[in-house]
């Protein structure tokens, strides 16, 4: 599996809060974001079914 990078624009206050939550959970901000994304996808798929993936243009 290839690892891809994305950029996210986030205001300073929200970023500070993200770091606070991540520190509390013993994670990096990056790991915390990945967990949030995973949880979001799992919730979507539980409601709508599996997302079929393929190459994106």
PDB file of N, CA and C in Angstrom:
ATOM      1  N   UNK A   1       0.841  -1.172   0.000  1.00  0.00           N
ATOM      2  CA  UNK A   1       0.000   0.000   0.000  1.00  0.00           C
ATOM      3  C   UNK A   1       0.891   1.242   0.000  1.00  0.00           C
ATOM      4  N   UNK A   2       0.621   2.128  -0.928  1.00  0.00           N
ATOM      5  CA  UNK A   2       1.372   3.373  -1.011  1.00  0.00           C
ATOM      6  C   UNK A   2       0.833   4.368   0.015  1.00  0.00           C
ATOM      7  N   UNK A   3       1.714   5.145   0.575  1.00  0.00           N
ATOM      8  CA  UNK A   3       1.325   6.204   1.505  1.00  0.00           C
ATOM      9  C   UNK A   3       1.281   7.509   0.735  1.00  0.00           C
ATOM     10  N   UNK A   4       0.168   8.205   0.812  1.00  0.00           N
ATOM     11  CA  UNK A   4      -0.019   9.480   0.114  1.00  0.00           C
ATOM     12  C   UNK A   4      -0.062  10.613   1.130  1.00  0.00           C
ATOM     13  N   UNK A   5       0.266  11.792   0.673  1.00  0.00           N
ATOM     14  CA  UNK A   5       0.221  12.990   1.514  1.00  0.00           C
ATOM     15  C   UNK A   5      -0.847  13.937   1.000  1.00  0.00           C
ATOM     16  N   UNK A   6      -1.520  14.613   1.932  1.00  0.00           N
ATOM     17  CA  UNK A   6      -2.450  15.674   1.572  1.00  0.00           C
ATOM     18  C   UNK A   6      -2.161  16.874   2.466  1.00  0.00           C
ATOM     19  N   UNK A   7      -2.527  18.040   1.992  1.00  0.00           N
ATOM     20  CA  UNK A   7      -2.407  19.260   2.792  1.00  0.00           C
ATOM     21  C   UNK A   7      -3.786  19.635   3.309  1.00  0.00           C
ATOM     22  N   UNK A   8      -3.835  20.121   4.531  1.00  0.00           N
ATOM     23  CA  UNK A   8      -5.097  20.532   5.127  1.00  0.00           C
ATOM     24  C   UNK A   8      -4.934  21.940   5.670  1.00  0.00           C
ATOM     25  N   UNK A   9      -5.861  22.798   5.326  1.00  0.00           N
ATOM     26  CA  UNK A   9      -5.859  24.151   5.890  1.00  0.00           C
ATOM     27  C   UNK A   9      -6.705  24.123   7.162  1.00  0.00           C
ATOM     28  N   UNK A  10      -6.131  24.555   8.268  1.00  0.00           N
ATOM     29  CA  UNK A  10      -6.819  24.496   9.560  1.00  0.00           C
ATOM     30  C   UNK A  10      -6.413  25.726  10.366  1.00  0.00           C
ATOM     31  N   UNK A  11      -7.402  26.339  11.014  1.00  0.00           N
ATOM     32  CA  UNK A  11      -7.055  27.533  11.785  1.00  0.00           C
ATOM     33  C   UNK A  11      -6.284  27.141  13.040  1.00  0.00           C
ATOM     34  N   UNK A  12      -5.568  28.103  13.573  1.00  0.00           N
ATOM     35  CA  UNK A  12      -4.642  27.850  14.675  1.00  0.00           C
ATOM     36  C   UNK A  12      -5.341  27.299  15.915  1.00  0.00           C
ATOM     37  N   UNK A  13      -6.511  27.833  16.237  1.00  0.00           N
ATOM     38  CA  UNK A  13      -7.227  27.391  17.429  1.00  0.00           C
ATOM     39  C   UNK A  13      -7.638  25.917  17.308  1.00  0.00           C
ATOM     40  N   UNK A  14      -8.146  25.538  16.135  1.00  0.00           N
ATOM     41  CA  UNK A  14      -8.537  24.153  15.930  1.00  0.00           C
ATOM     42  C   UNK A  14      -7.322  23.228  15.958  1.00  0.00           C
ATOM     43  N   UNK A  15      -6.215  23.668  15.387  1.00  0.00           N
ATOM     44  CA  UNK A  15      -4.993  22.873  15.400  1.00  0.00           C
ATOM     45  C   UNK A  15      -4.496  22.675  16.824  1.00  0.00           C
ATOM     46  N   UNK A  16      -4.530  23.736  17.627  1.00  0.00           N
ATOM     47  CA  UNK A  16      -4.130  23.616  19.027  1.00  0.00           C
ATOM     48  C   UNK A  16      -4.996  22.591  19.760  1.00  0.00           C
ATOM     49  N   UNK A  17      -6.294  22.616  19.484  1.00  0.00           N
ATOM     50  CA  UNK A  17      -7.202  21.672  20.133  1.00  0.00           C
ATOM     51  C   UNK A  17      -6.953  20.244  19.653  1.00  0.00           C
ATOM     52  N   UNK A  18      -6.643  20.095  18.379  1.00  0.00           N
ATOM     53  CA  UNK A  18      -6.301  18.770  17.851  1.00  0.00           C
ATOM     54  C   UNK A  18      -5.071  18.218  18.560  1.00  0.00           C
ATOM     55  N   UNK A  19      -4.042  19.052  18.717  1.00  0.00           N
ATOM     56  CA  UNK A  19      -2.829  18.620  19.417  1.00  0.00           C
ATOM     57  C   UNK A  19      -3.140  18.259  20.871  1.00  0.00           C
ATOM     58  N   UNK A  20      -4.023  18.998  21.503  1.00  0.00           N
ATOM     59  CA  UNK A  20      -4.407  18.713  22.887  1.00  0.00           C
ATOM     60  C   UNK A  20      -5.035  17.321  22.990  1.00  0.00           C
ATOM     61  N   UNK A  21      -6.007  17.043  22.102  1.00  0.00           N
ATOM     62  CA  UNK A  21      -6.683  15.743  22.110  1.00  0.00           C
ATOM     63  C   UNK A  21      -5.694  14.627  21.789  1.00  0.00           C
ATOM     64  N   UNK A  22      -4.861  14.843  20.786  1.00  0.00           N
ATOM     65  CA  UNK A  22      -3.875  13.828  20.402  1.00  0.00           C
ATOM     66  C   UNK A  22      -2.923  13.537  21.561  1.00  0.00           C
ATOM     67  N   UNK A  23      -2.437  14.586  22.218  1.00  0.00           N
ATOM     68  CA  UNK A  23      -1.550  14.391  23.371  1.00  0.00           C
ATOM     69  C   UNK A  23      -2.252  13.605  24.474  1.00  0.00           C
ATOM     70  N   UNK A  24      -3.501  13.926  24.727  1.00  0.00           N
ATOM     71  CA  UNK A  24      -4.273  13.221  25.749  1.00  0.00           C
ATOM     72  C   UNK A  24      -4.379  11.736  25.422  1.00  0.00           C
ATOM     73  N   UNK A  25      -4.561  11.421  24.141  1.00  0.00           N
ATOM     74  CA  UNK A  25      -4.690  10.041  23.691  1.00  0.00           C
ATOM     75  C   UNK A  25      -3.330   9.357  23.501  1.00  0.00           C
ATOM     76  N   UNK A  26      -2.243  10.109  23.670  1.00  0.00           N
ATOM     77  CA  UNK A  26      -0.907   9.540  23.515  1.00  0.00           C
ATOM     78  C   UNK A  26      -0.524   9.313  22.060  1.00  0.00           C
ATOM     79  N   UNK A  27      -1.046  10.170  21.194  1.00  0.00           N
ATOM     80  CA  UNK A  27      -0.795  10.034  19.758  1.00  0.00           C
ATOM     81  C   UNK A  27      -0.230  11.325  19.189  1.00  0.00           C
ATOM     82  N   UNK A  28       0.328  11.209  18.004  1.00  0.00           N
ATOM     83  CA  UNK A  28       0.696  12.400  17.251  1.00  0.00           C
ATOM     84  C   UNK A  28      -0.576  12.964  16.621  1.00  0.00           C
ATOM     85  N   UNK A  29      -0.508  14.218  16.195  1.00  0.00           N
ATOM     86  CA  UNK A  29      -1.650  14.817  15.502  1.00  0.00           C
ATOM     87  C   UNK A  29      -1.958  14.034  14.227  1.00  0.00           C
ATOM     88  N   UNK A  30      -0.932  13.597  13.517  1.00  0.00           N
ATOM     89  CA  UNK A  30      -1.138  12.826  12.292  1.00  0.00           C
ATOM     90  C   UNK A  30      -1.892  11.525  12.586  1.00  0.00           C
ATOM     91  N   UNK A  31      -1.475  10.807  13.612  1.00  0.00           N
ATOM     92  CA  UNK A  31      -2.154   9.556  13.971  1.00  0.00           C
ATOM     93  C   UNK A  31      -3.590   9.815  14.394  1.00  0.00           C
ATOM     94  N   UNK A  32      -3.815  10.895  15.106  1.00  0.00           N
ATOM     95  CA  UNK A  32      -5.173  11.236  15.536  1.00  0.00           C
ATOM     96  C   UNK A  32      -6.059  11.516  14.328  1.00  0.00           C
ATOM     97  N   UNK A  33      -5.534  12.233  13.352  1.00  0.00           N
ATOM     98  CA  UNK A  33      -6.297  12.521  12.133  1.00  0.00           C
ATOM     99  C   UNK A  33      -6.622  11.235  11.394  1.00  0.00           C
ATOM    100  N   UNK A  34      -5.666  10.315  11.292  1.00  0.00           N
ATOM    101  CA  UNK A  34      -5.923   9.048  10.618  1.00  0.00           C
ATOM    102  C   UNK A  34      -7.026   8.256  11.314  1.00  0.00           C
ATOM    103  N   UNK A  35      -7.049   8.273  12.635  1.00  0.00           N
ATOM    104  CA  UNK A  35      -8.095   7.585  13.387  1.00  0.00           C
ATOM    105  C   UNK A  35      -9.448   8.224  13.120  1.00  0.00           C
ATOM    106  N   UNK A  36      -9.494   9.544  13.096  1.00  0.00           N
ATOM    107  CA  UNK A  36     -10.754  10.238  12.819  1.00  0.00           C
ATOM    108  C   UNK A  36     -11.259   9.928  11.413  1.00  0.00           C
ATOM    109  N   UNK A  37     -10.356   9.894  10.444  1.00  0.00           N
ATOM    110  CA  UNK A  37     -10.737   9.550   9.075  1.00  0.00           C
ATOM    111  C   UNK A  37     -11.246   8.108   9.015  1.00  0.00           C
ATOM    112  N   UNK A  38     -10.523   7.188   9.644  1.00  0.00           N
ATOM    113  CA  UNK A  38     -10.947   5.781   9.661  1.00  0.00           C
ATOM    114  C   UNK A  38     -12.336   5.636  10.270  1.00  0.00           C
ATOM    115  N   UNK A  39     -12.567   6.305  11.409  1.00  0.00           N
ATOM    116  CA  UNK A  39     -13.864   6.221  12.075  1.00  0.00           C
ATOM    117  C   UNK A  39     -14.977   6.787  11.197  1.00  0.00           C
ATOM    118  N   UNK A  40     -14.690   7.860  10.494  1.00  0.00           N
ATOM    119  CA  UNK A  40     -15.665   8.471   9.591  1.00  0.00           C
ATOM    120  C   UNK A  40     -16.029   7.511   8.458  1.00  0.00           C
ATOM    121  N   UNK A  41     -15.032   6.882   7.866  1.00  0.00           N
ATOM    122  CA  UNK A  41     -15.265   5.932   6.769  1.00  0.00           C
ATOM    123  C   UNK A  41     -16.054   4.728   7.270  1.00  0.00           C
ATOM    124  N   UNK A  42     -15.691   4.204   8.441  1.00  0.00           N
ATOM    125  CA  UNK A  42     -16.411   3.053   8.999  1.00  0.00           C
ATOM    126  C   UNK A  42     -17.876   3.397   9.253  1.00  0.00           C
ATOM    127  N   UNK A  43     -18.144   4.585   9.774  1.00  0.00           N
ATOM    128  CA  UNK A  43     -19.527   5.004  10.034  1.00  0.00           C
ATOM    129  C   UNK A  43     -20.303   5.151   8.719  1.00  0.00           C
ATOM    130  N   UNK A  44     -19.673   5.729   7.714  1.00  0.00           N
ATOM    131  CA  UNK A  44     -20.315   5.891   6.408  1.00  0.00           C
ATOM    132  C   UNK A  44     -20.652   4.519   5.817  1.00  0.00           C
ATOM    133  N   UNK A  45     -19.679   3.603   5.852  1.00  0.00           N
ATOM    134  CA  UNK A  45     -19.895   2.280   5.272  1.00  0.00           C
ATOM    135  C   UNK A  45     -20.942   1.478   6.050  1.00  0.00           C
ATOM    136  N   UNK A  46     -21.019   1.663   7.353  1.00  0.00           N
ATOM    137  CA  UNK A  46     -22.034   0.973   8.147  1.00  0.00           C
ATOM    138  C   UNK A  46     -23.432   1.418   7.724  1.00  0.00           C
ATOM    139  N   UNK A  47     -23.560   2.672   7.334  1.00  0.00           N
ATOM    140  CA  UNK A  47     -24.857   3.217   6.936  1.00  0.00           C
ATOM    141  C   UNK A  47     -25.158   2.971   5.460  1.00  0.00           C
ATOM    142  N   UNK A  48     -24.145   3.076   4.595  1.00  0.00           N
ATOM    143  CA  UNK A  48     -24.370   3.074   3.145  1.00  0.00           C
ATOM    144  C   UNK A  48     -23.778   1.879   2.411  1.00  0.00           C
ATOM    145  N   UNK A  49     -23.039   1.038   3.075  1.00  0.00           N
ATOM    146  CA  UNK A  49     -22.377  -0.083   2.422  1.00  0.00           C
ATOM    147  C   UNK A  49     -20.935   0.246   2.071  1.00  0.00           C
ATOM    148  N   UNK A  50     -20.225  -0.802   1.698  1.00  0.00           N
ATOM    149  CA  UNK A  50     -18.801  -0.662   1.420  1.00  0.00           C
ATOM    150  C   UNK A  50     -18.544   0.307   0.263  1.00  0.00           C
ATOM    151  N   UNK A  51     -17.542   1.131   0.443  1.00  0.00           N
ATOM    152  CA  UNK A  51     -17.111   2.044  -0.612  1.00  0.00           C
ATOM    153  C   UNK A  51     -16.174   1.279  -1.531  1.00  0.00           C
ATOM    154  N   UNK A  52     -16.518   1.217  -2.792  1.00  0.00           N
ATOM    155  CA  UNK A  52     -15.646   0.566  -3.781  1.00  0.00           C
ATOM    156  C   UNK A  52     -14.589   1.559  -4.197  1.00  0.00           C
ATOM    157  N   UNK A  53     -13.338   1.154  -4.143  1.00  0.00           N
ATOM    158  CA  UNK A  53     -12.252   2.055  -4.501  1.00  0.00           C
ATOM    159  C   UNK A  53     -11.578   1.593  -5.785  1.00  0.00           C
ATOM    160  N   UNK A  54     -10.918   2.524  -6.407  1.00  0.00           N
ATOM    161  CA  UNK A  54     -10.170   2.259  -7.618  1.00  0.00           C
ATOM    162  C   UNK A  54      -9.284   3.450  -7.883  1.00  0.00           C
ATOM    163  N   UNK A  55      -8.628   3.435  -8.984  1.00  0.00           N
ATOM    164  CA  UNK A  55      -7.753   4.561  -9.311  1.00  0.00           C
ATOM    165  C   UNK A  55      -8.571   5.816  -9.544  1.00  0.00           C
ATOM    166  N   UNK A  56      -8.040   6.911  -9.012  1.00  0.00           N
ATOM    167  CA  UNK A  56      -8.679   8.222  -9.217  1.00  0.00           C
ATOM    168  C   UNK A  56      -7.862   8.990 -10.223  1.00  0.00           C
ATOM    169  N   UNK A  57      -8.531   9.751 -11.048  1.00  0.00           N
ATOM    170  CA  UNK A  57      -7.838  10.596 -12.031  1.00  0.00           C
ATOM    171  C   UNK A  57      -7.532  11.946 -11.470  1.00  0.00           C
TER     172      UNK A  57
END
